Amino acid sequence: MLYVIYAEDVADSLEKRMAVRPAHLARLQLLHDEGRLVTAGPMPAVDSNEPGAAGFTGSTVIAEFESLEEAQSWAQDDPFVAAGVYQKVTVKPYRRTF
């Protein structure tokens, strides 16, 4: 089943985010290589694809997992969680219509 992982950043997260970004992207690449990743990306803090120093307010991942528990576990193991980038992570089942 598909799940949405919606994570909200702490204030002023850009430096922490950039420090662990390679490890974060490596995990997403594994999901992609397994054919389980639908989409993933950050949410800019301003109306721009390149927010610069404004940074990001969070991230969204939509991917396939065997269960809600597996999706939650995967989300909690993210390097952004360990580095204190995220203040809150929400995982919900998702049904694709289009």
C-alpha atoms as a PDB file:
ATOM      1  CA  MET A   1       0.000   0.000   0.000  1.00  0.00           C
ATOM      2  CA  LEU A   2       1.064   3.600  -0.480  1.00  0.00           C
ATOM      3  CA  TYR A   3       1.767   5.907   2.454  1.00  0.00           C
ATOM      4  CA  VAL A   4       2.325   9.649   2.753  1.00  0.00           C
ATOM      5  CA  ILE A   5       5.123  10.695   5.054  1.00  0.00           C
ATOM      6  CA  TYR A   6       4.718  14.380   5.888  1.00  0.00           C
ATOM      7  CA  ALA A   7       7.458  15.910   7.992  1.00  0.00           C
ATOM      8  CA  GLU A   8       7.631  19.411   9.438  1.00  0.00           C
ATOM      9  CA  ASP A   9      11.015  21.065  10.048  1.00  0.00           C
ATOM     10  CA  VAL A  10      12.116  22.820  13.201  1.00  0.00           C
ATOM     11  CA  ALA A  11      12.827  26.534  12.808  1.00  0.00           C
ATOM     12  CA  ASP A  12      16.128  27.390  11.137  1.00  0.00           C
ATOM     13  CA  SER A  13      16.716  23.810   9.983  1.00  0.00           C
ATOM     14  CA  LEU A  14      18.689  24.579   6.817  1.00  0.00           C
ATOM     15  CA  GLU A  15      22.187  23.982   8.205  1.00  0.00           C
ATOM     16  CA  LYS A  16      21.207  20.677   9.853  1.00  0.00           C
ATOM     17  CA  ARG A  17      19.263  19.664   6.746  1.00  0.00           C
ATOM     18  CA  MET A  18      22.187  20.254   4.399  1.00  0.00           C
ATOM     19  CA  ALA A  19      24.622  18.407   6.684  1.00  0.00           C
ATOM     20  CA  VAL A  20      22.685  15.115   6.524  1.00  0.00           C
ATOM     21  CA  ARG A  21      21.056  15.505   3.114  1.00  0.00           C
ATOM     22  CA  PRO A  22      23.330  12.939   1.368  1.00  0.00           C
ATOM     23  CA  ALA A  23      22.289  10.195   3.813  1.00  0.00           C
ATOM     24  CA  HIS A  24      18.632  11.216   3.509  1.00  0.00           C
ATOM     25  CA  LEU A  25      18.809  11.074  -0.301  1.00  0.00           C
ATOM     26  CA  ALA A  26      20.578   7.695  -0.227  1.00  0.00           C
ATOM     27  CA  ARG A  27      17.613   6.155   1.603  1.00  0.00           C
ATOM     28  CA  LEU A  28      15.194   7.649  -0.903  1.00  0.00           C
ATOM     29  CA  GLN A  29      17.337   6.337  -3.760  1.00  0.00           C
ATOM     30  CA  LEU A  30      16.978   2.811  -2.352  1.00  0.00           C
ATOM     31  CA  LEU A  31      13.174   3.140  -2.371  1.00  0.00           C
ATOM     32  CA  HIS A  32      13.372   4.471  -5.933  1.00  0.00           C
ATOM     33  CA  ASP A  33      15.632   1.615  -7.066  1.00  0.00           C
ATOM     34  CA  GLU A  34      13.158  -0.881  -5.575  1.00  0.00           C
ATOM     35  CA  GLY A  35      10.312   0.767  -7.538  1.00  0.00           C
ATOM     36  CA  ARG A  36       8.534   1.804  -4.330  1.00  0.00           C
ATOM     37  CA  LEU A  37       8.949   5.593  -4.460  1.00  0.00           C
ATOM     38  CA  VAL A  38       6.146   7.629  -6.052  1.00  0.00           C
ATOM     39  CA  THR A  39       7.493  11.085  -5.194  1.00  0.00           C
ATOM     40  CA  ALA A  40       9.626  12.852  -2.616  1.00  0.00           C
ATOM     41  CA  GLY A  41      10.774  16.387  -2.022  1.00  0.00           C
ATOM     42  CA  PRO A  42      11.112  19.344   0.299  1.00  0.00           C
ATOM     43  CA  MET A  43       8.674  22.209   0.796  1.00  0.00           C
ATOM     44  CA  PRO A  44      10.373  25.578   0.267  1.00  0.00           C
ATOM     45  CA  ALA A  45       9.737  28.212   2.926  1.00  0.00           C
ATOM     46  CA  VAL A  46       9.106  30.794   0.183  1.00  0.00           C
ATOM     47  CA  ASP A  47       7.433  30.656  -3.216  1.00  0.00           C
ATOM     48  CA  SER A  48      10.533  29.532  -5.096  1.00  0.00           C
ATOM     49  CA  ASN A  49      12.140  26.282  -6.233  1.00  0.00           C
ATOM     50  CA  GLU A  50      15.428  27.667  -4.876  1.00  0.00           C
ATOM     51  CA  PRO A  51      14.571  29.260  -1.509  1.00  0.00           C
ATOM     52  CA  GLY A  52      18.167  30.050  -0.589  1.00  0.00           C
ATOM     53  CA  ALA A  53      18.640  31.076   3.033  1.00  0.00           C
ATOM     54  CA  ALA A  54      14.866  30.879   3.657  1.00  0.00           C
ATOM     55  CA  GLY A  55      15.247  27.107   3.606  1.00  0.00           C
ATOM     56  CA  PHE A  56      12.445  24.608   3.854  1.00  0.00           C
ATOM     57  CA  THR A  57       9.464  23.974   6.097  1.00  0.00           C
ATOM     58  CA  GLY A  58       9.361  20.201   5.707  1.00  0.00           C
ATOM     59  CA  SER A  59       9.281  17.273   3.325  1.00  0.00           C
ATOM     60  CA  THR A  60       6.774  14.921   1.734  1.00  0.00           C
ATOM     61  CA  VAL A  61       7.383  11.336   0.638  1.00  0.00           C
ATOM     62  CA  ILE A  62       4.846   9.035  -0.994  1.00  0.00           C
ATOM     63  CA  ALA A  63       6.074   5.463  -1.156  1.00  0.00           C
ATOM     64  CA  GLU A  64       4.959   1.858  -0.988  1.00  0.00           C
ATOM     65  CA  PHE A  65       5.358  -0.132   2.225  1.00  0.00           C
ATOM     66  CA  GLU A  66       3.962  -3.447   3.453  1.00  0.00           C
ATOM     67  CA  SER A  67       2.161  -1.828   6.393  1.00  0.00           C
ATOM     68  CA  LEU A  68       1.604   1.399   8.288  1.00  0.00           C
ATOM     69  CA  GLU A  69       4.021   0.164  10.947  1.00  0.00           C
ATOM     70  CA  GLU A  70       6.746  -0.395   8.330  1.00  0.00           C
ATOM     71  CA  ALA A  71       6.187   3.083   6.895  1.00  0.00           C
ATOM     72  CA  GLN A  72       6.323   4.635  10.377  1.00  0.00           C
ATOM     73  CA  SER A  73       9.503   2.756  11.223  1.00  0.00           C
ATOM     74  CA  TRP A  74      11.143   3.811   7.943  1.00  0.00           C
ATOM     75  CA  ALA A  75      10.177   7.430   8.585  1.00  0.00           C
ATOM     76  CA  GLN A  76      11.534   7.419  12.146  1.00  0.00           C
ATOM     77  CA  ASP A  77      14.867   6.019  10.922  1.00  0.00           C
ATOM     78  CA  ASP A  78      15.417   8.972   8.589  1.00  0.00           C
ATOM     79  CA  PRO A  79      18.690  10.867   9.110  1.00  0.00           C
ATOM     80  CA  PHE A  80      16.694  14.111   9.283  1.00  0.00           C
ATOM     81  CA  VAL A  81      14.932  12.763  12.385  1.00  0.00           C
ATOM     82  CA  ALA A  82      18.206  11.776  14.051  1.00  0.00           C
ATOM     83  CA  ALA A  83      19.772  15.168  13.220  1.00  0.00           C
ATOM     84  CA  GLY A  84      16.836  17.122  14.654  1.00  0.00           C
ATOM     85  CA  VAL A  85      15.694  18.574  11.325  1.00  0.00           C
ATOM     86  CA  TYR A  86      12.110  17.399  11.779  1.00  0.00           C
ATOM     87  CA  GLN A  87       9.914  18.499  14.671  1.00  0.00           C
ATOM     88  CA  LYS A  88       6.978  16.309  13.632  1.00  0.00           C
ATOM     89  CA  VAL A  89       6.497  13.365  11.277  1.00  0.00           C
ATOM     90  CA  THR A  90       3.049  12.147  10.242  1.00  0.00           C
ATOM     91  CA  VAL A  91       2.484   8.904   8.321  1.00  0.00           C
ATOM     92  CA  LYS A  92      -0.873   8.100   6.729  1.00  0.00           C
ATOM     93  CA  PRO A  93      -2.195   5.557   4.232  1.00  0.00           C
ATOM     94  CA  TYR A  94      -2.652   6.991   0.757  1.00  0.00           C
ATOM     95  CA  ARG A  95      -4.835   5.846  -2.113  1.00  0.00           C
ATOM     96  CA  ARG A  96      -3.791   7.080  -5.529  1.00  0.00           C
ATOM     97  CA  THR A  97      -6.698   8.020  -7.777  1.00  0.00           C
ATOM     98  CA  PHE A  98      -4.775   9.729 -10.581  1.00  0.00           C
END
